Protein backbone atom coordinates (compact mmCIF):
# COMPACT_ATOMS: atom_id res chain seq x y z
CA UNK A 1 -4.73 -5.34 -0.54
CA UNK A 2 -6.32 -3.88 2.33
CA UNK A 3 -9.44 -2.35 2.86
CA UNK A 4 -9.70 1.14 2.56
CA UNK A 5 -6.26 1.88 0.51
CA UNK A 6 -6.74 4.85 -1.62
CA UNK A 7 -7.42 4.34 -5.52
CA UNK A 8 -4.38 6.33 -6.79
CA UNK A 9 -2.30 4.00 -4.80
CA UNK A 10 -3.72 0.56 -5.95
CA UNK A 11 -1.02 -0.34 -8.27
CA UNK A 12 -1.95 -1.98 -11.23
CA UNK A 13 -0.44 -4.13 -13.98
CA UNK A 14 -0.09 -7.63 -15.49
CA UNK A 15 2.21 -10.55 -15.62
CA UNK A 16 5.51 -10.77 -14.28
CA UNK A 17 4.85 -7.44 -12.06
CA UNK A 18 1.43 -8.65 -10.61
CA UNK A 19 3.01 -11.98 -9.99
CA UNK A 20 5.67 -10.90 -7.97
CA UNK A 21 3.45 -8.00 -5.97
CA UNK A 22 0.95 -10.99 -5.46
CA UNK A 23 4.06 -13.28 -4.05
CA UNK A 24 5.29 -10.07 -2.47
CA UNK A 25 1.72 -9.54 -0.98
CA UNK A 26 1.17 -12.99 0.35
CA UNK A 27 4.55 -13.09 2.37
CA UNK A 28 4.77 -9.38 3.34
CA UNK A 29 4.50 -10.08 7.03
CA UNK A 30 7.35 -12.62 7.23
CA UNK A 31 9.60 -10.72 5.11
CA UNK A 32 9.25 -7.60 6.97
CA UNK A 33 10.01 -9.72 10.02
CA UNK A 34 12.98 -11.17 8.55
CA UNK A 35 14.61 -8.43 6.67
CA UNK A 36 12.54 -5.24 7.11
CA UNK A 37 15.05 -3.51 9.73
CA UNK A 38 18.52 -1.99 9.16
CA UNK A 39 20.02 -3.66 11.63
CA UNK A 40 19.83 -6.98 9.30
CA UNK A 41 21.77 -5.11 6.42
CA UNK A 42 25.46 -5.26 5.81
CA UNK A 43 27.26 -2.70 7.65
CA UNK A 44 29.24 -2.13 4.43
CA UNK A 45 25.72 -1.75 2.47
CA UNK A 46 24.86 0.92 5.30
CA UNK A 47 28.21 2.74 4.67
CA UNK A 48 28.18 2.65 0.86
CA UNK A 49 24.44 4.02 0.58
CA UNK A 50 25.19 6.60 2.85
CA UNK A 51 27.96 7.69 1.18
CA UNK A 52 26.07 7.43 -2.01
CA UNK A 53 23.65 9.79 -0.96
CA UNK A 54 25.59 12.45 1.20
CA UNK A 55 26.12 14.70 -1.76
CA UNK A 56 23.07 14.61 -3.33
CA UNK A 57 21.09 18.16 -3.01
CA UNK A 58 17.70 17.44 -3.98
CA UNK A 59 14.63 14.49 -3.34
CA UNK A 60 15.81 11.21 -3.68
CA UNK A 61 13.64 8.03 -4.53
CA UNK A 62 14.18 4.61 -2.57
CA UNK A 63 12.48 2.59 -5.79
CA UNK A 64 11.21 -0.22 -4.85
CA UNK A 65 11.88 0.37 -1.11
CA UNK A 66 10.14 -2.91 0.11
CA UNK A 67 9.47 -2.65 3.89
CA UNK A 68 10.93 0.83 3.76
CA UNK A 69 14.05 0.04 6.07
CA UNK A 70 16.42 1.65 3.88
CA UNK A 71 14.00 4.83 2.94
CA UNK A 72 14.16 5.29 6.78
CA UNK A 73 17.73 5.15 6.84
CA UNK A 74 18.24 7.63 4.35
CA UNK A 75 15.72 10.01 6.09
CA UNK A 76 17.79 9.47 9.38
CA UNK A 77 20.81 10.71 7.60
CA UNK A 78 19.05 13.64 6.30
CA UNK A 79 18.55 13.04 3.04
CA UNK A 80 15.29 14.49 1.63
CA UNK A 81 13.67 10.93 0.39
CA UNK A 82 10.68 9.29 -0.64
CA UNK A 83 10.11 5.30 -0.81
CA UNK A 84 7.72 3.70 -3.23
CA UNK A 85 6.84 -0.07 -3.77
CA UNK A 86 4.61 -1.42 -5.59
CA UNK A 87 3.03 -3.74 -2.62
CA UNK A 88 0.58 -1.85 -0.56
CA UNK A 89 1.10 -4.36 2.35
CA UNK A 90 4.65 -3.15 2.27
CA UNK A 91 3.90 0.82 1.77
CA UNK A 92 1.32 0.37 4.81
CA UNK A 93 3.71 -0.94 7.24
CA UNK A 94 6.59 1.41 6.49
CA UNK A 95 4.24 4.28 7.12
CA UNK A 96 3.22 2.46 10.73
CA UNK A 97 6.84 2.11 11.58
CA UNK A 98 8.27 5.16 10.04
CA UNK A 99 5.49 7.40 10.70
CA UNK A 100 7.93 10.56 9.80
CA UNK A 101 8.98 9.21 6.18
CA UNK A 102 7.30 9.58 3.37
CA UNK A 103 6.27 6.67 1.32
CA UNK A 104 3.80 5.81 -1.90
CA UNK A 105 2.55 2.98 -3.84
CA UNK A 106 3.55 2.73 -7.27
CA UNK A 107 5.55 1.05 -9.87
CA UNK A 108 9.36 1.48 -11.36
CA UNK A 109 8.40 1.75 -15.22
CA UNK A 110 5.79 4.53 -14.42
CA UNK A 111 7.23 6.51 -11.56
CA UNK A 112 4.43 9.33 -10.62
CA UNK A 113 7.51 12.28 -11.29
CA UNK A 114 7.96 14.99 -13.65
CA UNK A 115 11.24 15.12 -16.23
CA UNK A 116 14.31 15.61 -14.38
CA UNK A 117 12.35 16.21 -10.73
CA UNK A 118 14.95 13.70 -8.70
CA UNK A 119 18.48 13.91 -7.58
CA UNK A 120 18.99 10.46 -7.55
CA UNK A 121 17.60 7.10 -7.08
CA UNK A 122 18.48 4.25 -5.23
CA UNK A 123 17.27 1.02 -6.61
CA UNK A 124 18.29 -1.60 -3.85
CA UNK A 125 17.76 -5.18 -5.25
CA UNK A 126 14.64 -3.52 -6.98
CA UNK A 127 15.22 -4.99 -10.26
CA UNK A 128 16.04 -8.60 -9.52
CA UNK A 129 12.30 -9.68 -10.15
CA UNK A 130 11.88 -7.58 -13.32
CA UNK A 131 12.39 -9.59 -16.64
CA UNK A 132 15.81 -8.86 -18.27
CA UNK A 133 13.85 -7.69 -21.27
CA UNK A 134 12.27 -4.83 -19.65
CA UNK A 135 15.04 -3.77 -17.30
CA UNK A 136 15.97 -1.24 -20.49
CA UNK A 137 12.30 0.25 -19.96
CA UNK A 138 12.98 0.85 -16.49
CA UNK A 139 16.39 2.52 -16.43
CA UNK A 140 14.83 4.85 -19.39
CA UNK A 141 12.30 6.08 -17.04
CA UNK A 142 14.75 6.09 -14.03
CA UNK A 143 16.60 8.49 -16.64
CA UNK A 144 13.53 10.59 -17.03
CA UNK A 145 12.91 11.45 -13.85
CA UNK A 146 16.55 12.20 -12.91
CA UNK A 147 18.27 15.82 -13.43
CA UNK A 148 21.22 16.31 -15.48
CA UNK A 149 24.24 14.75 -13.69
CA UNK A 150 21.51 13.06 -11.07
CA UNK A 151 22.89 9.49 -9.35
CA UNK A 152 21.43 6.34 -9.66
CA UNK A 153 22.93 3.56 -7.24
CA UNK A 154 21.72 -0.54 -8.29
CA UNK A 155 22.19 -3.17 -6.13
CA UNK A 156 21.59 -6.62 -7.63
CA UNK A 157 22.69 -10.71 -7.49
CA UNK A 158 25.86 -11.07 -9.88
CA UNK A 159 26.60 -13.67 -12.20
CA UNK A 160 28.42 -14.73 -15.05
CA UNK A 161 25.48 -14.35 -17.48
CA UNK A 162 21.74 -13.16 -17.49
CA UNK A 163 19.68 -16.09 -15.90
CA UNK A 164 16.96 -16.57 -13.43
CA UNK A 165 16.94 -18.20 -10.47
CA UNK A 166 14.87 -19.72 -7.51
CA UNK A 167 14.45 -16.54 -5.16
CA UNK A 168 12.91 -17.45 -1.93
CA UNK A 169 9.66 -15.07 -2.82
CA UNK A 170 9.60 -15.76 -6.44
CA UNK A 171 11.53 -15.65 -9.59
CA UNK A 172 14.67 -13.31 -9.63
CA UNK A 173 17.69 -12.78 -11.89
CA UNK A 174 21.36 -12.58 -11.87
CA UNK A 175 22.95 -9.69 -13.76
CA UNK A 176 26.93 -9.70 -14.80
CA UNK A 177 27.76 -6.47 -13.63
CA UNK A 178 29.56 -5.57 -17.00
CA UNK A 179 25.90 -6.47 -18.80
CA UNK A 180 24.16 -4.30 -16.47
CA UNK A 181 26.44 -1.35 -16.91
CA UNK A 182 26.25 -1.67 -20.22
CA UNK A 183 22.45 -1.28 -19.99
CA UNK A 184 22.91 1.79 -17.63
CA UNK A 185 25.21 3.18 -20.54
CA UNK A 186 22.07 2.45 -22.89
CA UNK A 187 19.99 4.59 -20.98
CA UNK A 188 21.75 7.64 -20.65
CA UNK A 189 24.03 6.87 -17.52
CA UNK A 190 27.99 7.03 -17.02
CA UNK A 191 29.03 4.46 -15.07
CA UNK A 192 31.56 5.56 -12.68
CA UNK A 193 31.69 2.52 -9.98
CA UNK A 194 31.14 -1.10 -9.95
CA UNK A 195 31.90 -3.06 -6.52
CA UNK A 196 31.53 -6.58 -6.21
CA UNK A 197 31.57 -9.21 -3.33
CA UNK A 198 30.27 -12.29 -1.58
CA UNK A 199 29.49 -12.65 1.69
CA UNK A 200 29.54 -15.61 3.75
CA UNK A 201 25.90 -17.62 2.96
CA UNK A 202 24.87 -15.31 0.25
CA UNK A 203 24.90 -14.70 -3.83
CA UNK A 204 27.29 -12.64 -5.14
CA UNK A 205 26.78 -9.40 -4.75
CA UNK A 206 27.02 -5.99 -6.93
CA UNK A 207 26.68 -2.45 -6.26
CA UNK A 208 26.87 -0.14 -9.59
CA UNK A 209 26.53 3.50 -9.45
CA UNK A 210 26.19 6.05 -12.49
CA UNK A 211 25.31 9.59 -13.20
CA UNK A 212 22.94 10.44 -15.79
CA UNK A 213 24.78 12.10 -18.65
């Protein structure tokens, strides 16, 4: 954590979340250099996220924004967006690199928003390090903060069963899209779209879009 970080932005927590934050903090500069630019992202994903965001009329949260490149992308296409991440180094870098975009430090299971305050939440690979038993808690928090009919887009690694694997930074989890869809429905969402693909040299990908209620 950098000196001078406001106390209100020092994300607390223990256990898996603290270990994940520490792992990304140690490798933040490396991660930003490798994956912190929208040009490094798939054009298929850029088109899908733009299409998802285009009808949203209200505040959008990029939940687990990492280096902030997707937040900046959404801002650039006219979305009213804020990026949130628990890694202070990511947020400090994002504020420096994208000074016209809003960012804040925070955790996914305790979002700094009132009930129904958001029109949309992008959770693009931000649930991958959450232990599966805690995912329903995070999804319930997403549901709390979304307005009725609000939209959620989740990106994740897909697999035939929920299991941990050796992610480059720290432990991550594969999810069968059908099982994650059921978890979303259990939190009050209605799944409206599931897309899967496998790019050359990459793990299978899934994107699930859902609306609240």
